[in-house]
Amino acid sequence: MAQRNGDHARAGRRPEPARGSDVDPELADDLEAQFEGGQGVGEELVAAREEAARNLATAQRWQADFENYRKRQERDVAELRARAGERIVVELLPVLDDLDRVLDHAIQSSERGLELEQLIKGVEMVRARILTVFGKEGVEVVDPFGQPFDPHMHQAVGTREDPELPEHTVLEVYQKGYGLGGRLIRPAMVVVSSGGPLPAPEE
């Protein structure tokens, strides 16, 4: 009979007093209350663990969302900084192009014996100051003379036959290119070679 009472308890049922035994009714009620109270505590513990797991998952999602938001904000701020100076740079580029042309013309005139050294030095100083300002803003000069043509960085405005150079080598830079903040804001305008040997494939 004691074995059956143990089986009843393990099965989750109310323990019954042994037949033919004298059991105080109040004692039986106390045993029943303790048995049912133990079941209630176990269920509350399981529910608390489930709620804690849900709260942890929610907190982890919030943390991931916040981290993604922070990274997006950092990228947006960096892009805004890069674009802030882009308008000024674009407006100054034609001035720099004119200075380059004046320098080229002055150098050619000097080679012909004309006294233009002072003019050349003055223009070079102005050009150097502009490039210094550009450098502080993160501007990079794209001057690909003698390099292989890169359609992502260069714009071909013509070709010239040269059998001694590898095909598509930059022979002349008509207008330099410029980048800002890791982005190309103007490609270099170039003349490329043709009729030469094909360049060696990259390994």
N, C-alpha and C. Protein backbone atom coordinates (compact mmCIF):
# COMPACT_ATOMS: atom_id res chain seq x y z
N MET A 1 0.84 -1.21 0.00
CA MET A 1 0.00 0.00 0.00
C MET A 1 0.87 1.26 0.00
N ALA A 2 2.00 1.26 0.72
CA ALA A 2 2.92 2.41 0.73
C ALA A 2 3.50 2.62 -0.65
N GLN A 3 3.74 1.48 -1.38
CA GLN A 3 4.29 1.61 -2.74
C GLN A 3 3.30 2.30 -3.63
N ARG A 4 1.97 1.97 -3.50
CA ARG A 4 0.96 2.62 -4.33
C ARG A 4 0.88 4.10 -4.01
N ASN A 5 0.97 4.49 -2.74
CA ASN A 5 0.93 5.91 -2.39
C ASN A 5 2.10 6.66 -3.04
N GLY A 6 3.29 6.03 -3.09
CA GLY A 6 4.43 6.67 -3.75
C GLY A 6 4.18 6.83 -5.23
N ASP A 7 3.52 5.81 -5.83
CA ASP A 7 3.21 5.90 -7.26
C ASP A 7 2.25 7.04 -7.52
N HIS A 8 1.22 7.18 -6.66
CA HIS A 8 0.26 8.28 -6.82
C HIS A 8 0.97 9.62 -6.75
N ALA A 9 1.90 9.79 -5.86
CA ALA A 9 2.58 11.09 -5.69
C ALA A 9 3.40 11.42 -6.93
N ARG A 10 4.13 10.34 -7.47
CA ARG A 10 4.94 10.59 -8.66
C ARG A 10 4.08 10.88 -9.86
N ALA A 11 2.88 10.39 -9.90
CA ALA A 11 1.97 10.63 -11.03
C ALA A 11 1.32 11.99 -10.94
N GLY A 12 1.56 12.75 -9.92
CA GLY A 12 1.01 14.10 -9.82
C GLY A 12 -0.37 14.14 -9.21
N ARG A 13 -0.79 13.03 -8.57
CA ARG A 13 -2.12 13.01 -7.95
C ARG A 13 -1.98 13.18 -6.44
N ARG A 14 -3.11 13.56 -5.85
CA ARG A 14 -3.15 13.78 -4.40
C ARG A 14 -2.91 12.48 -3.66
N PRO A 15 -1.95 12.48 -2.72
CA PRO A 15 -1.72 11.25 -1.94
C PRO A 15 -2.94 10.91 -1.09
N GLU A 16 -3.28 9.63 -1.11
CA GLU A 16 -4.45 9.17 -0.37
C GLU A 16 -3.98 8.42 0.87
N PRO A 17 -4.69 8.59 1.94
CA PRO A 17 -4.31 7.85 3.16
C PRO A 17 -4.55 6.36 2.98
N ALA A 18 -3.75 5.57 3.64
CA ALA A 18 -3.90 4.11 3.56
C ALA A 18 -5.26 3.70 4.11
N ARG A 19 -5.83 2.70 3.41
CA ARG A 19 -7.14 2.22 3.84
C ARG A 19 -7.01 1.56 5.22
N GLY A 20 -8.01 1.78 6.02
CA GLY A 20 -8.05 1.17 7.34
C GLY A 20 -7.20 1.87 8.37
N SER A 21 -6.52 2.98 7.96
CA SER A 21 -5.67 3.69 8.92
C SER A 21 -6.40 4.91 9.41
N ASP A 22 -6.06 5.32 10.58
CA ASP A 22 -6.66 6.51 11.17
C ASP A 22 -5.77 7.70 10.88
N VAL A 23 -6.22 8.60 10.01
CA VAL A 23 -5.45 9.78 9.63
C VAL A 23 -6.25 11.01 10.02
N ASP A 24 -5.56 11.90 10.65
CA ASP A 24 -6.21 13.15 11.05
C ASP A 24 -6.60 13.90 9.79
N PRO A 25 -7.87 14.30 9.65
CA PRO A 25 -8.30 15.04 8.45
C PRO A 25 -7.52 16.34 8.27
N GLU A 26 -7.22 17.03 9.35
CA GLU A 26 -6.47 18.29 9.22
C GLU A 26 -5.07 18.02 8.68
N LEU A 27 -4.44 16.92 9.13
CA LEU A 27 -3.12 16.56 8.64
C LEU A 27 -3.18 16.25 7.15
N ALA A 28 -4.23 15.55 6.72
CA ALA A 28 -4.38 15.23 5.30
C ALA A 28 -4.53 16.49 4.47
N ASP A 29 -5.30 17.48 5.00
CA ASP A 29 -5.45 18.74 4.27
C ASP A 29 -4.12 19.48 4.16
N ASP A 30 -3.34 19.46 5.24
CA ASP A 30 -2.04 20.12 5.21
C ASP A 30 -1.11 19.48 4.17
N LEU A 31 -1.12 18.15 4.12
CA LEU A 31 -0.29 17.45 3.13
C LEU A 31 -0.72 17.80 1.71
N GLU A 32 -2.03 17.88 1.52
CA GLU A 32 -2.54 18.22 0.18
C GLU A 32 -2.12 19.63 -0.22
N ALA A 33 -2.20 20.58 0.72
CA ALA A 33 -1.84 21.97 0.41
C ALA A 33 -0.36 22.08 0.08
N GLN A 34 0.48 21.34 0.84
CA GLN A 34 1.91 21.38 0.56
C GLN A 34 2.23 20.79 -0.80
N PHE A 35 1.52 19.73 -1.17
CA PHE A 35 1.76 19.07 -2.46
C PHE A 35 1.38 20.01 -3.61
N GLU A 36 0.20 20.62 -3.50
CA GLU A 36 -0.24 21.52 -4.56
C GLU A 36 0.61 22.79 -4.61
N GLY A 37 1.07 23.28 -3.44
CA GLY A 37 1.93 24.46 -3.41
C GLY A 37 3.26 24.20 -4.08
N GLY A 38 3.81 22.99 -3.90
CA GLY A 38 5.06 22.65 -4.57
C GLY A 38 4.91 22.66 -6.08
N GLN A 39 3.80 22.15 -6.59
CA GLN A 39 3.56 22.19 -8.03
C GLN A 39 3.49 23.64 -8.53
N GLY A 40 2.82 24.52 -7.76
CA GLY A 40 2.68 25.92 -8.17
C GLY A 40 4.03 26.62 -8.27
N VAL A 41 4.92 26.38 -7.32
CA VAL A 41 6.24 27.00 -7.34
C VAL A 41 7.04 26.56 -8.56
N GLY A 42 6.95 25.29 -8.91
CA GLY A 42 7.65 24.80 -10.09
C GLY A 42 7.15 25.45 -11.37
N GLU A 43 5.86 25.61 -11.50
CA GLU A 43 5.30 26.25 -12.69
C GLU A 43 5.71 27.71 -12.77
N GLU A 44 5.71 28.40 -11.62
CA GLU A 44 6.13 29.80 -11.61
C GLU A 44 7.60 29.94 -12.01
N LEU A 45 8.44 29.00 -11.57
CA LEU A 45 9.86 29.03 -11.91
C LEU A 45 10.06 28.86 -13.41
N VAL A 46 9.33 27.93 -14.00
CA VAL A 46 9.42 27.70 -15.45
C VAL A 46 8.97 28.94 -16.20
N ALA A 47 7.86 29.54 -15.75
CA ALA A 47 7.35 30.75 -16.42
C ALA A 47 8.35 31.90 -16.29
N ALA A 48 8.98 32.03 -15.12
CA ALA A 48 9.96 33.09 -14.92
C ALA A 48 11.17 32.90 -15.83
N ARG A 49 11.61 31.66 -16.00
CA ARG A 49 12.74 31.40 -16.88
C ARG A 49 12.38 31.72 -18.33
N GLU A 50 11.19 31.37 -18.77
CA GLU A 50 10.77 31.67 -20.13
C GLU A 50 10.69 33.18 -20.37
N GLU A 51 10.16 33.91 -19.38
CA GLU A 51 10.08 35.36 -19.51
C GLU A 51 11.47 35.99 -19.56
N ALA A 52 12.39 35.47 -18.74
CA ALA A 52 13.76 35.99 -18.75
C ALA A 52 14.42 35.75 -20.11
N ALA A 53 14.17 34.59 -20.69
CA ALA A 53 14.74 34.29 -22.01
C ALA A 53 14.18 35.24 -23.06
N ARG A 54 12.88 35.52 -22.98
CA ARG A 54 12.27 36.45 -23.94
C ARG A 54 12.85 37.85 -23.76
N ASN A 55 13.01 38.29 -22.52
CA ASN A 55 13.58 39.61 -22.27
C ASN A 55 15.02 39.72 -22.77
N LEU A 56 15.79 38.64 -22.59
CA LEU A 56 17.17 38.64 -23.07
C LEU A 56 17.21 38.74 -24.59
N ALA A 57 16.35 37.98 -25.27
CA ALA A 57 16.30 38.04 -26.74
C ALA A 57 15.92 39.44 -27.22
N THR A 58 14.95 40.05 -26.53
CA THR A 58 14.54 41.41 -26.91
C THR A 58 15.68 42.40 -26.71
N ALA A 59 16.40 42.27 -25.59
CA ALA A 59 17.53 43.17 -25.33
C ALA A 59 18.63 43.00 -26.36
N GLN A 60 18.88 41.77 -26.77
CA GLN A 60 19.90 41.52 -27.79
C GLN A 60 19.50 42.12 -29.13
N ARG A 61 18.21 42.02 -29.47
CA ARG A 61 17.75 42.64 -30.72
C ARG A 61 17.89 44.15 -30.66
N TRP A 62 17.53 44.74 -29.53
CA TRP A 62 17.68 46.20 -29.37
C TRP A 62 19.15 46.60 -29.48
N GLN A 63 20.03 45.83 -28.88
CA GLN A 63 21.44 46.15 -28.95
C GLN A 63 21.95 46.08 -30.38
N ALA A 64 21.53 45.04 -31.13
CA ALA A 64 21.96 44.91 -32.53
C ALA A 64 21.40 46.05 -33.38
N ASP A 65 20.14 46.41 -33.14
CA ASP A 65 19.55 47.52 -33.88
C ASP A 65 20.28 48.83 -33.60
N PHE A 66 20.63 49.05 -32.35
CA PHE A 66 21.34 50.27 -31.98
C PHE A 66 22.72 50.31 -32.62
N GLU A 67 23.40 49.16 -32.65
CA GLU A 67 24.73 49.11 -33.25
C GLU A 67 24.65 49.40 -34.74
N ASN A 68 23.64 48.85 -35.42
CA ASN A 68 23.47 49.14 -36.84
C ASN A 68 23.16 50.61 -37.06
N TYR A 69 22.33 51.18 -36.19
CA TYR A 69 22.00 52.60 -36.30
C TYR A 69 23.24 53.46 -36.11
N ARG A 70 24.08 53.10 -35.14
CA ARG A 70 25.29 53.88 -34.88
C ARG A 70 26.23 53.82 -36.09
N LYS A 71 26.36 52.66 -36.70
CA LYS A 71 27.23 52.54 -37.87
C LYS A 71 26.68 53.34 -39.05
N ARG A 72 25.35 53.32 -39.22
CA ARG A 72 24.76 54.11 -40.30
C ARG A 72 25.00 55.60 -40.08
N GLN A 73 24.87 56.03 -38.81
CA GLN A 73 25.11 57.43 -38.50
C GLN A 73 26.55 57.83 -38.80
N GLU A 74 27.49 56.96 -38.45
CA GLU A 74 28.90 57.26 -38.72
C GLU A 74 29.15 57.36 -40.21
N ARG A 75 28.55 56.46 -41.00
CA ARG A 75 28.72 56.52 -42.46
C ARG A 75 28.09 57.79 -43.02
N ASP A 76 26.92 58.15 -42.50
CA ASP A 76 26.25 59.36 -43.01
C ASP A 76 27.07 60.61 -42.70
N VAL A 77 27.61 60.67 -41.48
CA VAL A 77 28.42 61.83 -41.11
C VAL A 77 29.67 61.92 -41.98
N ALA A 78 30.32 60.77 -42.22
CA ALA A 78 31.52 60.78 -43.06
C ALA A 78 31.19 61.22 -44.48
N GLU A 79 30.03 60.76 -44.99
CA GLU A 79 29.65 61.15 -46.35
C GLU A 79 29.32 62.64 -46.42
N LEU A 80 28.65 63.15 -45.37
CA LEU A 80 28.34 64.58 -45.36
C LEU A 80 29.62 65.43 -45.33
N ARG A 81 30.60 64.99 -44.56
CA ARG A 81 31.85 65.72 -44.51
C ARG A 81 32.54 65.72 -45.87
N ALA A 82 32.49 64.56 -46.55
CA ALA A 82 33.13 64.47 -47.87
C ALA A 82 32.43 65.37 -48.88
N ARG A 83 31.09 65.40 -48.80
CA ARG A 83 30.34 66.20 -49.77
C ARG A 83 30.38 67.70 -49.46
N ALA A 84 30.69 68.04 -48.20
CA ALA A 84 30.70 69.45 -47.82
C ALA A 84 31.73 70.24 -48.63
N GLY A 85 32.89 69.62 -48.86
CA GLY A 85 33.92 70.31 -49.62
C GLY A 85 33.90 70.02 -51.10
N GLU A 86 33.03 69.10 -51.51
CA GLU A 86 33.02 68.70 -52.92
C GLU A 86 32.62 69.86 -53.83
N ARG A 87 31.65 70.65 -53.42
CA ARG A 87 31.18 71.74 -54.29
C ARG A 87 32.31 72.74 -54.53
N ILE A 88 33.05 73.09 -53.45
CA ILE A 88 34.16 74.04 -53.60
C ILE A 88 35.24 73.45 -54.50
N VAL A 89 35.53 72.18 -54.30
CA VAL A 89 36.57 71.54 -55.10
C VAL A 89 36.19 71.55 -56.58
N VAL A 90 34.94 71.21 -56.87
CA VAL A 90 34.49 71.18 -58.27
C VAL A 90 34.59 72.56 -58.90
N GLU A 91 34.27 73.60 -58.14
CA GLU A 91 34.35 74.95 -58.68
C GLU A 91 35.80 75.40 -58.91
N LEU A 92 36.73 74.88 -58.12
CA LEU A 92 38.12 75.27 -58.27
C LEU A 92 38.86 74.47 -59.33
N LEU A 93 38.31 73.35 -59.72
CA LEU A 93 39.00 72.51 -60.70
C LEU A 93 39.27 73.24 -62.02
N PRO A 94 38.31 73.97 -62.59
CA PRO A 94 38.63 74.70 -63.84
C PRO A 94 39.76 75.71 -63.66
N VAL A 95 39.84 76.33 -62.47
CA VAL A 95 40.94 77.27 -62.22
C VAL A 95 42.27 76.53 -62.25
N LEU A 96 42.29 75.37 -61.63
CA LEU A 96 43.52 74.58 -61.63
C LEU A 96 43.87 74.12 -63.04
N ASP A 97 42.87 73.78 -63.83
CA ASP A 97 43.13 73.39 -65.22
C ASP A 97 43.74 74.55 -66.01
N ASP A 98 43.21 75.76 -65.81
CA ASP A 98 43.77 76.92 -66.50
C ASP A 98 45.22 77.17 -66.10
N LEU A 99 45.50 77.00 -64.81
CA LEU A 99 46.88 77.19 -64.36
C LEU A 99 47.81 76.16 -65.00
N ASP A 100 47.34 74.93 -65.12
CA ASP A 100 48.16 73.90 -65.78
C ASP A 100 48.45 74.28 -67.22
N ARG A 101 47.45 74.80 -67.92
CA ARG A 101 47.65 75.17 -69.33
C ARG A 101 48.60 76.35 -69.45
N VAL A 102 48.45 77.34 -68.54
CA VAL A 102 49.36 78.49 -68.56
C VAL A 102 50.79 78.05 -68.30
N LEU A 103 50.95 77.13 -67.34
CA LEU A 103 52.29 76.63 -67.05
C LEU A 103 52.89 75.93 -68.25
N ASP A 104 52.11 75.08 -68.90
CA ASP A 104 52.61 74.38 -70.08
C ASP A 104 53.05 75.37 -71.16
N HIS A 105 52.21 76.37 -71.39
CA HIS A 105 52.54 77.36 -72.41
C HIS A 105 53.78 78.17 -72.02
N ALA A 106 53.87 78.52 -70.74
CA ALA A 106 55.01 79.31 -70.28
C ALA A 106 56.30 78.51 -70.38
N ILE A 107 56.24 77.22 -70.05
CA ILE A 107 57.44 76.38 -70.13
C ILE A 107 57.90 76.26 -71.57
N GLN A 108 56.95 76.07 -72.49
CA GLN A 108 57.32 75.99 -73.91
C GLN A 108 57.93 77.30 -74.40
N SER A 109 57.38 78.41 -73.94
CA SER A 109 57.93 79.72 -74.34
C SER A 109 59.32 79.91 -73.78
N SER A 110 59.54 79.44 -72.56
CA SER A 110 60.85 79.56 -71.93
C SER A 110 61.89 78.75 -72.69
N GLU A 111 61.48 77.59 -73.18
CA GLU A 111 62.40 76.76 -73.95
C GLU A 111 62.79 77.44 -75.25
N ARG A 112 61.93 78.32 -75.74
CA ARG A 112 62.24 79.05 -76.97
C ARG A 112 63.10 80.30 -76.70
N GLY A 113 63.51 80.49 -75.44
CA GLY A 113 64.41 81.57 -75.12
C GLY A 113 63.73 82.78 -74.55
N LEU A 114 62.42 82.72 -74.31
CA LEU A 114 61.72 83.88 -73.77
C LEU A 114 61.91 83.93 -72.25
N GLU A 115 62.01 85.14 -71.71
CA GLU A 115 62.23 85.31 -70.28
C GLU A 115 60.89 85.27 -69.55
N LEU A 116 60.51 84.09 -69.17
CA LEU A 116 59.22 83.94 -68.47
C LEU A 116 59.40 83.18 -67.15
N GLU A 117 60.61 83.13 -66.65
CA GLU A 117 60.85 82.36 -65.44
C GLU A 117 60.06 82.88 -64.26
N GLN A 118 59.97 84.18 -64.10
CA GLN A 118 59.23 84.74 -62.98
C GLN A 118 57.75 84.39 -63.07
N LEU A 119 57.20 84.44 -64.28
CA LEU A 119 55.79 84.07 -64.46
C LEU A 119 55.57 82.61 -64.11
N ILE A 120 56.49 81.79 -64.54
CA ILE A 120 56.36 80.35 -64.26
C ILE A 120 56.40 80.11 -62.75
N LYS A 121 57.31 80.74 -62.06
CA LYS A 121 57.41 80.55 -60.61
C LYS A 121 56.15 81.04 -59.90
N GLY A 122 55.63 82.18 -60.36
CA GLY A 122 54.42 82.70 -59.72
C GLY A 122 53.24 81.78 -59.90
N VAL A 123 53.06 81.29 -61.13
CA VAL A 123 51.94 80.37 -61.38
C VAL A 123 52.12 79.07 -60.61
N GLU A 124 53.34 78.59 -60.54
CA GLU A 124 53.60 77.36 -59.78
C GLU A 124 53.26 77.53 -58.31
N MET A 125 53.54 78.69 -57.75
CA MET A 125 53.22 78.95 -56.36
C MET A 125 51.71 78.94 -56.13
N VAL A 126 50.96 79.57 -57.04
CA VAL A 126 49.50 79.58 -56.91
C VAL A 126 48.96 78.16 -57.00
N ARG A 127 49.46 77.44 -57.96
CA ARG A 127 49.01 76.05 -58.13
C ARG A 127 49.32 75.21 -56.89
N ALA A 128 50.50 75.39 -56.33
CA ALA A 128 50.89 74.63 -55.14
C ALA A 128 49.98 74.96 -53.96
N ARG A 129 49.57 76.22 -53.84
CA ARG A 129 48.67 76.59 -52.74
C ARG A 129 47.31 75.94 -52.91
N ILE A 130 46.83 75.91 -54.13
CA ILE A 130 45.53 75.26 -54.37
C ILE A 130 45.62 73.77 -54.03
N LEU A 131 46.69 73.14 -54.46
CA LEU A 131 46.85 71.71 -54.18
C LEU A 131 46.98 71.46 -52.67
N THR A 132 47.58 72.40 -51.96
CA THR A 132 47.67 72.26 -50.50
C THR A 132 46.29 72.28 -49.86
N VAL A 133 45.44 73.21 -50.32
CA VAL A 133 44.06 73.26 -49.82
C VAL A 133 43.34 71.97 -50.15
N PHE A 134 43.52 71.49 -51.37
CA PHE A 134 42.88 70.24 -51.77
C PHE A 134 43.34 69.08 -50.88
N GLY A 135 44.65 69.07 -50.60
CA GLY A 135 45.17 67.98 -49.78
C GLY A 135 44.56 67.96 -48.40
N LYS A 136 44.32 69.12 -47.81
CA LYS A 136 43.69 69.19 -46.49
C LYS A 136 42.25 68.68 -46.52
N GLU A 137 41.61 68.81 -47.67
CA GLU A 137 40.23 68.33 -47.81
C GLU A 137 40.16 66.87 -48.24
N GLY A 138 41.33 66.23 -48.37
CA GLY A 138 41.34 64.82 -48.75
C GLY A 138 41.26 64.59 -50.25
N VAL A 139 41.61 65.60 -51.05
CA VAL A 139 41.56 65.46 -52.50
C VAL A 139 42.80 64.70 -52.98
N GLU A 140 42.59 63.78 -53.91
CA GLU A 140 43.69 63.01 -54.49
C GLU A 140 43.74 63.29 -55.98
N VAL A 141 44.97 63.53 -56.49
CA VAL A 141 45.17 63.82 -57.91
C VAL A 141 45.32 62.51 -58.66
N VAL A 142 44.63 62.38 -59.78
CA VAL A 142 44.73 61.20 -60.64
C VAL A 142 45.53 61.61 -61.88
N ASP A 143 46.81 61.26 -61.91
CA ASP A 143 47.70 61.59 -63.02
C ASP A 143 48.30 60.28 -63.54
N PRO A 144 47.64 59.63 -64.50
CA PRO A 144 48.02 58.26 -64.87
C PRO A 144 49.01 58.16 -66.03
N PHE A 145 49.82 59.18 -66.27
CA PHE A 145 50.75 59.15 -67.39
C PHE A 145 51.65 57.92 -67.30
N GLY A 146 51.72 57.14 -68.41
CA GLY A 146 52.55 55.95 -68.47
C GLY A 146 51.94 54.72 -67.83
N GLN A 147 50.75 54.85 -67.27
CA GLN A 147 50.10 53.72 -66.61
C GLN A 147 49.12 53.04 -67.56
N PRO A 148 48.72 51.81 -67.26
CA PRO A 148 47.69 51.16 -68.07
C PRO A 148 46.36 51.91 -67.93
N PHE A 149 45.61 51.94 -69.01
CA PHE A 149 44.31 52.62 -69.00
C PHE A 149 43.35 51.88 -68.08
N ASP A 150 42.68 52.65 -67.23
CA ASP A 150 41.69 52.10 -66.29
C ASP A 150 40.36 52.78 -66.55
N PRO A 151 39.38 52.06 -67.12
CA PRO A 151 38.11 52.71 -67.44
C PRO A 151 37.35 53.20 -66.22
N HIS A 152 37.70 52.73 -65.04
CA HIS A 152 37.04 53.19 -63.83
C HIS A 152 37.61 54.52 -63.33
N MET A 153 38.82 54.86 -63.78
CA MET A 153 39.49 56.08 -63.32
C MET A 153 39.78 57.06 -64.44
N HIS A 154 39.79 56.58 -65.68
CA HIS A 154 40.22 57.41 -66.80
C HIS A 154 39.12 57.48 -67.87
N GLN A 155 39.16 58.55 -68.62
CA GLN A 155 38.26 58.72 -69.76
C GLN A 155 39.11 58.95 -71.01
N ALA A 156 39.05 58.00 -71.95
CA ALA A 156 39.85 58.10 -73.16
C ALA A 156 39.22 59.10 -74.12
N VAL A 157 40.02 60.08 -74.54
CA VAL A 157 39.54 61.08 -75.51
C VAL A 157 40.20 60.89 -76.86
N GLY A 158 41.08 59.91 -76.96
CA GLY A 158 41.73 59.64 -78.24
C GLY A 158 42.71 58.50 -78.10
N THR A 159 43.21 58.03 -79.27
CA THR A 159 44.22 56.98 -79.30
C THR A 159 45.36 57.43 -80.21
N ARG A 160 46.53 56.85 -79.97
CA ARG A 160 47.70 57.15 -80.80
C ARG A 160 48.50 55.87 -80.96
N GLU A 161 48.85 55.57 -82.18
CA GLU A 161 49.56 54.32 -82.45
C GLU A 161 50.99 54.41 -81.95
N ASP A 162 51.39 53.37 -81.23
CA ASP A 162 52.76 53.28 -80.72
C ASP A 162 53.07 51.80 -80.53
N PRO A 163 53.74 51.19 -81.50
CA PRO A 163 53.98 49.73 -81.43
C PRO A 163 54.95 49.32 -80.33
N GLU A 164 55.66 50.26 -79.72
CA GLU A 164 56.64 49.90 -78.71
C GLU A 164 56.04 49.80 -77.30
N LEU A 165 54.89 50.41 -77.13
CA LEU A 165 54.27 50.40 -75.80
C LEU A 165 53.17 49.35 -75.76
N PRO A 166 52.92 48.79 -74.56
CA PRO A 166 51.79 47.86 -74.44
C PRO A 166 50.47 48.54 -74.83
N GLU A 167 49.58 47.75 -75.37
CA GLU A 167 48.27 48.26 -75.78
C GLU A 167 47.58 48.96 -74.61
N HIS A 168 46.94 50.10 -74.90
CA HIS A 168 46.15 50.85 -73.92
C HIS A 168 47.01 51.40 -72.78
N THR A 169 48.19 51.91 -73.12
CA THR A 169 48.99 52.65 -72.16
C THR A 169 48.66 54.13 -72.28
N VAL A 170 48.60 54.83 -71.18
CA VAL A 170 48.29 56.26 -71.22
C VAL A 170 49.50 57.02 -71.75
N LEU A 171 49.35 57.62 -72.94
CA LEU A 171 50.43 58.37 -73.58
C LEU A 171 50.42 59.84 -73.19
N GLU A 172 49.24 60.37 -72.97
CA GLU A 172 49.11 61.79 -72.68
C GLU A 172 47.94 62.01 -71.73
N VAL A 173 48.13 62.88 -70.76
CA VAL A 173 47.06 63.25 -69.84
C VAL A 173 46.58 64.64 -70.25
N TYR A 174 45.45 64.65 -70.93
CA TYR A 174 44.92 65.93 -71.37
C TYR A 174 44.39 66.75 -70.20
N GLN A 175 43.78 66.05 -69.25
CA GLN A 175 43.23 66.72 -68.07
C GLN A 175 43.27 65.74 -66.91
N LYS A 176 43.88 66.15 -65.81
CA LYS A 176 44.02 65.25 -64.67
C LYS A 176 42.67 64.99 -64.01
N GLY A 177 42.59 63.85 -63.35
CA GLY A 177 41.38 63.51 -62.61
C GLY A 177 41.59 63.78 -61.13
N TYR A 178 40.48 63.75 -60.38
CA TYR A 178 40.56 64.03 -58.95
C TYR A 178 39.57 63.16 -58.19
N GLY A 179 40.00 62.74 -57.02
CA GLY A 179 39.13 61.97 -56.13
C GLY A 179 39.00 62.68 -54.80
N LEU A 180 37.91 62.37 -54.10
CA LEU A 180 37.66 63.01 -52.80
C LEU A 180 36.97 62.01 -51.89
N GLY A 181 37.55 61.81 -50.71
CA GLY A 181 36.95 60.88 -49.75
C GLY A 181 36.85 59.46 -50.26
N GLY A 182 37.82 59.03 -51.07
CA GLY A 182 37.79 57.68 -51.60
C GLY A 182 36.88 57.50 -52.80
N ARG A 183 36.27 58.60 -53.28
CA ARG A 183 35.38 58.54 -54.45
C ARG A 183 35.97 59.36 -55.58
N LEU A 184 35.79 58.88 -56.81
CA LEU A 184 36.24 59.62 -57.97
C LEU A 184 35.21 60.69 -58.30
N ILE A 185 35.64 61.98 -58.28
CA ILE A 185 34.70 63.05 -58.61
C ILE A 185 34.90 63.55 -60.03
N ARG A 186 36.07 63.22 -60.64
CA ARG A 186 36.26 63.53 -62.05
C ARG A 186 37.34 62.63 -62.61
N PRO A 187 37.04 61.87 -63.68
CA PRO A 187 38.07 60.99 -64.26
C PRO A 187 39.13 61.79 -65.01
N ALA A 188 40.29 61.20 -65.17
CA ALA A 188 41.34 61.82 -65.95
C ALA A 188 41.04 61.62 -67.44
N MET A 189 41.18 62.69 -68.23
CA MET A 189 40.98 62.62 -69.68
C MET A 189 42.33 62.33 -70.32
N VAL A 190 42.41 61.20 -71.03
CA VAL A 190 43.71 60.71 -71.47
C VAL A 190 43.67 60.28 -72.94
N VAL A 191 44.88 60.19 -73.50
CA VAL A 191 45.09 59.59 -74.82
C VAL A 191 45.84 58.28 -74.60
N VAL A 192 45.36 57.20 -75.21
CA VAL A 192 45.94 55.88 -74.97
C VAL A 192 46.60 55.35 -76.23
N SER A 193 47.53 54.42 -76.02
CA SER A 193 48.28 53.85 -77.14
C SER A 193 47.49 52.72 -77.80
N SER A 194 47.85 52.45 -79.04
CA SER A 194 47.27 51.34 -79.78
C SER A 194 48.33 50.75 -80.69
N GLY A 195 48.12 49.51 -81.14
CA GLY A 195 49.05 48.86 -82.06
C GLY A 195 50.23 48.20 -81.41
N GLY A 196 50.34 48.23 -80.08
CA GLY A 196 51.45 47.62 -79.40
C GLY A 196 51.10 46.22 -78.90
N PRO A 197 52.03 45.59 -78.22
CA PRO A 197 51.75 44.25 -77.68
C PRO A 197 50.72 44.31 -76.57
N LEU A 198 49.98 43.22 -76.42
CA LEU A 198 48.99 43.17 -75.36
C LEU A 198 49.68 43.14 -74.01
N PRO A 199 49.13 43.81 -73.02
CA PRO A 199 49.74 43.79 -71.68
C PRO A 199 49.71 42.40 -71.09
N ALA A 200 50.72 42.10 -70.25
CA ALA A 200 50.78 40.79 -69.61
C ALA A 200 49.60 40.63 -68.67
N PRO A 201 48.98 39.45 -68.66
CA PRO A 201 47.82 39.23 -67.77
C PRO A 201 48.24 39.30 -66.31
N GLU A 202 47.36 39.85 -65.48
CA GLU A 202 47.64 39.94 -64.05
C GLU A 202 47.53 38.57 -63.42
N GLU A 203 48.47 38.30 -62.49
CA GLU A 203 48.46 37.00 -61.80
C GLU A 203 47.47 37.02 -60.66
